[in-house]
Amino acid sequence: QVQLVESGGGSVQSGGSLRLSCATTSEYTYAIYCLGWFRKAPGKEREGVATIDEDGRTSYADSAKGRFTISQDNAKNTLYLQMNSLKPEDTAMYYCAADSGPYGGPCQKRDYDYWGQGTQVTVSS
């Protein structure tokens, strides 16, 4: 069982920054093979933003490269998404997700099993 709780969303002007946090709890920490951030904007499909695998390797959507950074604090069991140079098109509900499957392939191509409730990010012009 994995539980995820996001925080850190809010309203910010274009060019601003936010750091999202995702507190993770699991019966066995090593059972989490992939962690990721996703977002869903009104009228758009859900899209993957960034992922990190069990070896610490990261991947990013093209729209996030150079602006967003995904990281983990293993001691705190917390996943982060540092978002800089925010744009109005970044406005969305952001979700963190976890996948406990050991053979799902690259994290950026997996279907995730566990999801948080989301945190809203709104970027104004």
N, C-alpha and C. Protein backbone atom coordinates (compact mmCIF):
# COMPACT_ATOMS: atom_id res chain seq x y z
N GLN A 1 0.83 -1.17 0.00
CA GLN A 1 0.00 0.00 0.00
C GLN A 1 0.88 1.25 0.00
N VAL A 2 0.56 2.18 -0.88
CA VAL A 2 1.29 3.43 -0.99
C VAL A 2 0.31 4.59 -0.85
N GLN A 3 0.67 5.56 -0.04
CA GLN A 3 -0.14 6.75 0.12
C GLN A 3 0.68 7.97 -0.27
N LEU A 4 0.06 8.89 -0.99
CA LEU A 4 0.72 10.07 -1.49
C LEU A 4 -0.09 11.31 -1.14
N VAL A 5 0.58 12.34 -0.65
CA VAL A 5 -0.08 13.59 -0.30
C VAL A 5 0.72 14.75 -0.85
N GLU A 6 0.12 15.50 -1.78
CA GLU A 6 0.80 16.63 -2.39
C GLU A 6 0.56 17.91 -1.60
N SER A 7 1.49 18.84 -1.73
CA SER A 7 1.35 20.16 -1.15
C SER A 7 2.26 21.13 -1.91
N GLY A 8 2.08 22.41 -1.67
CA GLY A 8 2.95 23.40 -2.26
C GLY A 8 2.39 24.16 -3.44
N GLY A 9 1.21 23.80 -3.89
CA GLY A 9 0.61 24.52 -5.00
C GLY A 9 0.14 25.90 -4.56
N GLY A 10 -0.26 26.69 -5.53
CA GLY A 10 -0.72 28.03 -5.24
C GLY A 10 -0.79 28.86 -6.49
N SER A 11 -0.95 30.15 -6.30
CA SER A 11 -1.03 31.10 -7.41
C SER A 11 0.26 31.90 -7.48
N VAL A 12 0.76 32.05 -8.68
CA VAL A 12 2.01 32.77 -8.89
C VAL A 12 1.96 33.48 -10.23
N GLN A 13 2.69 34.56 -10.35
CA GLN A 13 2.76 35.28 -11.62
C GLN A 13 3.77 34.64 -12.55
N SER A 14 3.62 34.92 -13.83
CA SER A 14 4.56 34.40 -14.82
C SER A 14 5.99 34.74 -14.42
N GLY A 15 6.86 33.75 -14.59
CA GLY A 15 8.25 33.93 -14.22
C GLY A 15 8.57 33.53 -12.80
N GLY A 16 7.56 33.28 -12.01
CA GLY A 16 7.75 32.91 -10.62
C GLY A 16 8.10 31.45 -10.46
N SER A 17 8.26 31.04 -9.21
CA SER A 17 8.65 29.68 -8.89
C SER A 17 7.77 29.08 -7.80
N LEU A 18 7.64 27.78 -7.84
CA LEU A 18 6.96 27.02 -6.81
C LEU A 18 7.69 25.71 -6.62
N ARG A 19 7.64 25.19 -5.41
CA ARG A 19 8.16 23.86 -5.15
C ARG A 19 7.04 22.99 -4.61
N LEU A 20 6.70 21.98 -5.36
CA LEU A 20 5.68 21.03 -4.94
C LEU A 20 6.33 19.90 -4.15
N SER A 21 5.62 19.44 -3.14
CA SER A 21 6.09 18.33 -2.34
C SER A 21 5.07 17.20 -2.37
N CYS A 22 5.56 16.00 -2.27
CA CYS A 22 4.71 14.82 -2.21
C CYS A 22 5.24 13.91 -1.12
N ALA A 23 4.51 13.84 -0.03
CA ALA A 23 4.88 12.95 1.06
C ALA A 23 4.43 11.54 0.71
N THR A 24 5.35 10.61 0.79
CA THR A 24 5.06 9.24 0.41
C THR A 24 5.21 8.31 1.60
N THR A 25 4.28 7.38 1.71
CA THR A 25 4.37 6.34 2.72
C THR A 25 4.06 5.01 2.04
N SER A 26 4.81 4.00 2.41
CA SER A 26 4.59 2.68 1.86
C SER A 26 5.01 1.65 2.87
N GLU A 27 4.44 0.47 2.73
CA GLU A 27 4.78 -0.60 3.65
C GLU A 27 6.24 -0.99 3.50
N TYR A 28 6.72 -0.99 2.26
CA TYR A 28 8.11 -1.27 1.96
C TYR A 28 8.62 -0.21 1.00
N THR A 29 9.53 0.60 1.43
CA THR A 29 10.03 1.69 0.63
C THR A 29 10.60 1.22 -0.70
N TYR A 30 11.30 0.10 -0.69
CA TYR A 30 11.92 -0.41 -1.90
C TYR A 30 10.92 -0.91 -2.93
N ALA A 31 9.67 -1.03 -2.52
CA ALA A 31 8.64 -1.48 -3.44
C ALA A 31 8.21 -0.40 -4.43
N ILE A 32 8.61 0.84 -4.18
CA ILE A 32 8.32 1.93 -5.10
C ILE A 32 9.45 2.01 -6.12
N TYR A 33 9.14 1.68 -7.36
CA TYR A 33 10.15 1.66 -8.41
C TYR A 33 10.21 2.96 -9.20
N CYS A 34 9.07 3.63 -9.32
CA CYS A 34 9.02 4.89 -10.05
C CYS A 34 8.16 5.89 -9.31
N LEU A 35 8.56 7.14 -9.37
CA LEU A 35 7.77 8.25 -8.86
C LEU A 35 7.66 9.29 -9.97
N GLY A 36 6.53 9.93 -10.04
CA GLY A 36 6.36 10.90 -11.11
C GLY A 36 5.42 12.02 -10.76
N TRP A 37 5.53 13.09 -11.50
CA TRP A 37 4.61 14.22 -11.43
C TRP A 37 3.85 14.31 -12.74
N PHE A 38 2.55 14.48 -12.62
CA PHE A 38 1.67 14.62 -13.77
C PHE A 38 0.80 15.85 -13.58
N ARG A 39 0.24 16.33 -14.66
CA ARG A 39 -0.65 17.47 -14.54
C ARG A 39 -1.82 17.34 -15.49
N LYS A 40 -2.92 17.95 -15.09
CA LYS A 40 -4.14 17.95 -15.88
C LYS A 40 -4.70 19.35 -15.90
N ALA A 41 -4.74 19.95 -17.07
CA ALA A 41 -5.30 21.27 -17.25
C ALA A 41 -6.68 21.15 -17.88
N PRO A 42 -7.57 22.09 -17.61
CA PRO A 42 -8.90 22.05 -18.21
C PRO A 42 -8.83 21.99 -19.73
N GLY A 43 -9.55 21.06 -20.32
CA GLY A 43 -9.57 20.93 -21.76
C GLY A 43 -8.38 20.22 -22.36
N LYS A 44 -7.49 19.73 -21.53
CA LYS A 44 -6.31 19.03 -22.02
C LYS A 44 -6.21 17.64 -21.39
N GLU A 45 -5.51 16.77 -22.06
CA GLU A 45 -5.27 15.44 -21.53
C GLU A 45 -4.22 15.51 -20.43
N ARG A 46 -4.28 14.55 -19.53
CA ARG A 46 -3.26 14.45 -18.50
C ARG A 46 -1.92 14.17 -19.16
N GLU A 47 -0.89 14.83 -18.68
CA GLU A 47 0.42 14.63 -19.25
C GLU A 47 1.46 14.42 -18.15
N GLY A 48 2.44 13.61 -18.47
CA GLY A 48 3.55 13.40 -17.56
C GLY A 48 4.47 14.60 -17.61
N VAL A 49 4.94 15.03 -16.45
CA VAL A 49 5.83 16.17 -16.35
C VAL A 49 7.26 15.72 -16.10
N ALA A 50 7.44 14.86 -15.12
CA ALA A 50 8.77 14.39 -14.76
C ALA A 50 8.66 13.09 -13.99
N THR A 51 9.68 12.25 -14.12
CA THR A 51 9.72 10.99 -13.39
C THR A 51 11.12 10.75 -12.84
N ILE A 52 11.19 9.91 -11.83
CA ILE A 52 12.47 9.49 -11.26
C ILE A 52 12.36 8.01 -10.92
N ASP A 53 13.38 7.23 -11.27
CA ASP A 53 13.31 5.80 -11.05
C ASP A 53 14.09 5.38 -9.82
N GLU A 54 14.14 4.08 -9.60
CA GLU A 54 14.76 3.54 -8.40
C GLU A 54 16.26 3.78 -8.34
N ASP A 55 16.86 4.10 -9.47
CA ASP A 55 18.28 4.41 -9.52
C ASP A 55 18.56 5.91 -9.51
N GLY A 56 17.52 6.70 -9.37
CA GLY A 56 17.69 8.14 -9.34
C GLY A 56 17.73 8.80 -10.70
N ARG A 57 17.49 8.03 -11.74
CA ARG A 57 17.48 8.60 -13.08
C ARG A 57 16.18 9.35 -13.33
N THR A 58 16.29 10.47 -13.98
CA THR A 58 15.14 11.33 -14.19
C THR A 58 14.81 11.48 -15.66
N SER A 59 13.57 11.82 -15.92
CA SER A 59 13.13 12.13 -17.27
C SER A 59 12.15 13.28 -17.18
N TYR A 60 12.08 14.07 -18.25
CA TYR A 60 11.23 15.25 -18.26
C TYR A 60 10.49 15.37 -19.57
N ALA A 61 9.29 15.90 -19.49
CA ALA A 61 8.59 16.29 -20.69
C ALA A 61 9.34 17.45 -21.33
N ASP A 62 9.23 17.57 -22.63
CA ASP A 62 9.92 18.65 -23.33
C ASP A 62 9.54 20.01 -22.76
N SER A 63 8.30 20.16 -22.37
CA SER A 63 7.83 21.43 -21.85
C SER A 63 8.44 21.77 -20.49
N ALA A 64 8.97 20.77 -19.80
CA ALA A 64 9.52 20.97 -18.47
C ALA A 64 11.04 21.07 -18.44
N LYS A 65 11.68 20.59 -19.47
CA LYS A 65 13.14 20.58 -19.50
C LYS A 65 13.71 21.98 -19.36
N GLY A 66 14.69 22.09 -18.49
CA GLY A 66 15.34 23.37 -18.28
C GLY A 66 14.65 24.26 -17.29
N ARG A 67 13.42 23.93 -16.91
CA ARG A 67 12.67 24.75 -15.96
C ARG A 67 12.29 24.01 -14.69
N PHE A 68 11.99 22.72 -14.83
CA PHE A 68 11.53 21.92 -13.70
C PHE A 68 12.60 20.92 -13.29
N THR A 69 12.64 20.59 -12.01
CA THR A 69 13.56 19.60 -11.50
C THR A 69 12.84 18.68 -10.53
N ILE A 70 12.90 17.38 -10.79
CA ILE A 70 12.33 16.40 -9.89
C ILE A 70 13.43 15.85 -9.00
N SER A 71 13.13 15.65 -7.74
CA SER A 71 14.14 15.15 -6.81
C SER A 71 13.46 14.43 -5.66
N GLN A 72 14.25 13.69 -4.90
CA GLN A 72 13.77 12.97 -3.73
C GLN A 72 14.62 13.28 -2.52
N ASP A 73 13.98 13.31 -1.37
CA ASP A 73 14.67 13.33 -0.10
C ASP A 73 14.30 12.00 0.56
N ASN A 74 15.18 11.04 0.42
CA ASN A 74 14.88 9.70 0.92
C ASN A 74 14.70 9.65 2.43
N ALA A 75 15.44 10.48 3.14
CA ALA A 75 15.33 10.51 4.59
C ALA A 75 13.95 10.95 5.03
N LYS A 76 13.32 11.81 4.25
CA LYS A 76 11.99 12.32 4.58
C LYS A 76 10.88 11.63 3.78
N ASN A 77 11.27 10.71 2.91
CA ASN A 77 10.30 10.03 2.05
C ASN A 77 9.43 11.03 1.30
N THR A 78 10.07 12.02 0.74
CA THR A 78 9.37 13.10 0.08
C THR A 78 9.88 13.30 -1.35
N LEU A 79 8.96 13.46 -2.26
CA LEU A 79 9.25 13.76 -3.65
C LEU A 79 9.00 15.24 -3.88
N TYR A 80 9.87 15.88 -4.66
CA TYR A 80 9.74 17.30 -4.93
C TYR A 80 9.68 17.58 -6.43
N LEU A 81 9.04 18.67 -6.75
CA LEU A 81 9.10 19.21 -8.10
C LEU A 81 9.36 20.70 -7.98
N GLN A 82 10.58 21.11 -8.28
CA GLN A 82 10.92 22.52 -8.30
C GLN A 82 10.56 23.08 -9.66
N MET A 83 9.72 24.08 -9.67
CA MET A 83 9.25 24.68 -10.91
C MET A 83 9.69 26.13 -10.96
N ASN A 84 10.50 26.45 -11.94
CA ASN A 84 10.99 27.81 -12.14
C ASN A 84 10.49 28.35 -13.47
N SER A 85 10.57 29.65 -13.62
CA SER A 85 10.17 30.32 -14.85
C SER A 85 8.78 29.87 -15.29
N LEU A 86 7.85 29.88 -14.37
CA LEU A 86 6.51 29.39 -14.64
C LEU A 86 5.80 30.24 -15.69
N LYS A 87 4.99 29.57 -16.48
CA LYS A 87 4.24 30.19 -17.55
C LYS A 87 2.76 29.91 -17.36
N PRO A 88 1.89 30.74 -17.92
CA PRO A 88 0.45 30.48 -17.80
C PRO A 88 0.05 29.08 -18.27
N GLU A 89 0.73 28.56 -19.27
CA GLU A 89 0.41 27.23 -19.76
C GLU A 89 0.78 26.11 -18.79
N ASP A 90 1.46 26.45 -17.70
CA ASP A 90 1.75 25.48 -16.65
C ASP A 90 0.58 25.33 -15.69
N THR A 91 -0.42 26.17 -15.82
CA THR A 91 -1.58 26.11 -14.94
C THR A 91 -2.27 24.76 -15.08
N ALA A 92 -2.42 24.07 -13.97
CA ALA A 92 -3.02 22.73 -13.99
C ALA A 92 -3.12 22.21 -12.57
N MET A 93 -3.83 21.11 -12.43
CA MET A 93 -3.78 20.35 -11.20
C MET A 93 -2.60 19.39 -11.32
N TYR A 94 -1.72 19.42 -10.35
CA TYR A 94 -0.54 18.58 -10.37
C TYR A 94 -0.69 17.42 -9.42
N TYR A 95 -0.35 16.24 -9.90
CA TYR A 95 -0.48 15.02 -9.13
C TYR A 95 0.87 14.31 -9.04
N CYS A 96 1.15 13.75 -7.89
CA CYS A 96 2.28 12.85 -7.82
C CYS A 96 1.75 11.42 -7.87
N ALA A 97 2.57 10.53 -8.35
CA ALA A 97 2.16 9.16 -8.54
C ALA A 97 3.32 8.22 -8.29
N ALA A 98 2.99 6.99 -7.94
CA ALA A 98 3.99 5.97 -7.67
C ALA A 98 3.60 4.67 -8.34
N ASP A 99 4.61 3.94 -8.76
CA ASP A 99 4.41 2.63 -9.36
C ASP A 99 5.26 1.63 -8.62
N SER A 100 4.64 0.60 -8.12
CA SER A 100 5.34 -0.43 -7.36
C SER A 100 5.72 -1.64 -8.20
N GLY A 101 5.37 -1.64 -9.46
CA GLY A 101 5.67 -2.77 -10.33
C GLY A 101 7.13 -2.83 -10.72
N PRO A 102 7.76 -3.98 -10.59
CA PRO A 102 9.19 -4.10 -10.87
C PRO A 102 9.55 -4.26 -12.35
N TYR A 103 8.58 -4.58 -13.19
CA TYR A 103 8.89 -4.88 -14.58
C TYR A 103 8.10 -4.04 -15.58
N GLY A 104 7.82 -2.82 -15.22
CA GLY A 104 6.99 -1.97 -16.06
C GLY A 104 7.74 -1.20 -17.13
N GLY A 105 9.05 -1.32 -17.19
CA GLY A 105 9.82 -0.59 -18.17
C GLY A 105 10.18 0.80 -17.67
N PRO A 106 10.61 1.67 -18.58
CA PRO A 106 11.01 3.03 -18.18
C PRO A 106 9.88 3.76 -17.46
N CYS A 107 10.24 4.54 -16.46
CA CYS A 107 9.23 5.20 -15.65
C CYS A 107 8.37 6.16 -16.45
N GLN A 108 8.92 6.76 -17.47
CA GLN A 108 8.15 7.71 -18.26
C GLN A 108 7.11 7.05 -19.14
N LYS A 109 7.15 5.72 -19.23
CA LYS A 109 6.20 4.99 -20.07
C LYS A 109 5.29 4.06 -19.28
N ARG A 110 5.34 4.14 -17.99
CA ARG A 110 4.54 3.25 -17.16
C ARG A 110 3.14 3.78 -16.86
N ASP A 111 2.27 2.85 -16.52
CA ASP A 111 0.98 3.19 -15.93
C ASP A 111 1.16 3.15 -14.43
N TYR A 112 0.84 4.23 -13.76
CA TYR A 112 1.09 4.33 -12.34
C TYR A 112 -0.09 3.82 -11.51
N ASP A 113 0.23 3.16 -10.42
CA ASP A 113 -0.77 2.48 -9.60
C ASP A 113 -1.35 3.36 -8.50
N TYR A 114 -0.56 4.27 -7.97
CA TYR A 114 -0.98 5.06 -6.82
C TYR A 114 -0.89 6.54 -7.13
N TRP A 115 -1.93 7.26 -6.70
CA TRP A 115 -2.03 8.68 -7.02
C TRP A 115 -2.43 9.49 -5.80
N GLY A 116 -1.90 10.71 -5.72
CA GLY A 116 -2.34 11.64 -4.70
C GLY A 116 -3.59 12.37 -5.15
N GLN A 117 -4.08 13.26 -4.30
CA GLN A 117 -5.30 14.00 -4.59
C GLN A 117 -5.07 15.23 -5.45
N GLY A 118 -3.83 15.65 -5.58
CA GLY A 118 -3.50 16.77 -6.43
C GLY A 118 -3.36 18.08 -5.69
N THR A 119 -2.60 18.99 -6.27
CA THR A 119 -2.46 20.34 -5.76
C THR A 119 -2.52 21.31 -6.93
N GLN A 120 -3.29 22.36 -6.79
CA GLN A 120 -3.54 23.28 -7.89
C GLN A 120 -2.41 24.28 -8.04
N VAL A 121 -1.97 24.46 -9.28
CA VAL A 121 -0.99 25.48 -9.63
C VAL A 121 -1.64 26.41 -10.64
N THR A 122 -1.66 27.69 -10.33
CA THR A 122 -2.23 28.68 -11.22
C THR A 122 -1.19 29.76 -11.50
N VAL A 123 -0.89 29.96 -12.76
CA VAL A 123 0.11 30.94 -13.17
C VAL A 123 -0.59 32.03 -13.98
N SER A 124 -0.51 33.25 -13.52
CA SER A 124 -1.16 34.36 -14.18
C SER A 124 -0.17 35.16 -15.01
N SER A 125 -0.69 35.84 -16.03
CA SER A 125 0.15 36.64 -16.91
C SER A 125 0.59 37.92 -16.23
